[in-house]
Amino acid sequence: MKRLPIAFFGHGSPMIALEENHVTATWAAIAKRIERPRAILCVSAHWLTNGTAVTGMATPRTIHDFGASFPKALFDVEYPAAGDPALALRIRDLLAPMPVTVDTGWGLDHGTWSVLRHCFPDASIPVVQLGMDIAKSPEQHWQIGRMLRPLRDEGVLIIGTGNIVHNLREMDWQHPDAEPYPWAARFNAAMLRAVVEDRPEAVISYQSLGADASLSVPHPDHFWPLIYVLGARHAGEAATLDPDFIHHKSLGMTSILLGSA
C-alpha cells in the first residue's frame, strides 16, 4: 500500500451528520480519492483528556455528545464501526516514552462520526480516536502528530476534525451565508496561507495574531486537530482546500487534504 494522505475536516454543527449538501458531497468525494485504509485514526475536537489517550475497545459506542435541543433523528444515528485494539497499542508504542492511556470508556464522538458517515457510510473500516491532552502546548500536539507519521505507511488514515475559526458566541445564526467578520476572514486566510506554504510554525504560533486569534479560537479544542494533522505531514506535500468558506460569520468550514490521493 502506498503512503496515505492526511486530512482535516471543518465539521461545523452536529446537524451536518443528517445533511446532504456541498460540504458532505465534497467529503464523500475526498474519501473516494483515497485508497481504502485498513483503519482510521481520528483526532476529534470533542475528546479532551488529562494525558494523551487512545480508544482501545473492540466495539466503540456511538456517543451523542450534544444538547437535548437537537432532534431525535440525530440521537438515532449510529456509526457501528469496529475499533482496533492492536492499532491502539501501536499508537502507544509510537508515542513512547510519553505515557498513553488505552481507554475503554469513550467511543466515537460526533466530531468523528458526523464526518465518517459521509466519507465511509458503511462503517466497515475500524476507527480509533486519539484524546488530546489539555495540558500540552500547540508545539507538543504537533510533535505527537510527527510521532504518528509512520502510520501513514501502514495503511492508517489520519484525520483531524474541528474548525479553524470556531466562535459560537459570535455566530450569526439567522444569516448562514453572511460575509464573515473581518477578524475571522483575516485569521482563516493567515492559517490557510501557512498550510499551503508548508509553514507549520505559523500555525503552531497562531496566538501571535493577537485579537484575530483570540476571537477566532476562543478555546483551542477545535483548532488543535489541525496541528496534529500538520505534524503528520511530510515536507513539501501539497495542500488541497475544499470546501473553503466561513459559515454564520464565525464558523470555518474549510477541509484540507495533504499529500497525494
Foldseek 3Di string as FASTA:
>chain_A
DDQWWAKEFQQPDLCLLVDDDQRLVVLQVVLVQTDQFQAEEEEELPFADAFKEKEQAQWFWEDEPDDPVDDVVSVPDTQGATADNVVRVVLCVLPPPRHYHHDHPHGHYSLGNSSCCSHPVVNHHHYMYMHHYPPDALVVLLQSLLSCLVVSVVRYHYYYYFFQFDAVVLFQVVAFPDAADPLQVVLLVQVVVCVQVLNLVCLSVSCVVPPSNCNRPVDCSRPSSVSSSSSSADPPWGKDWPPFDATRNTRTRIMIITHGD
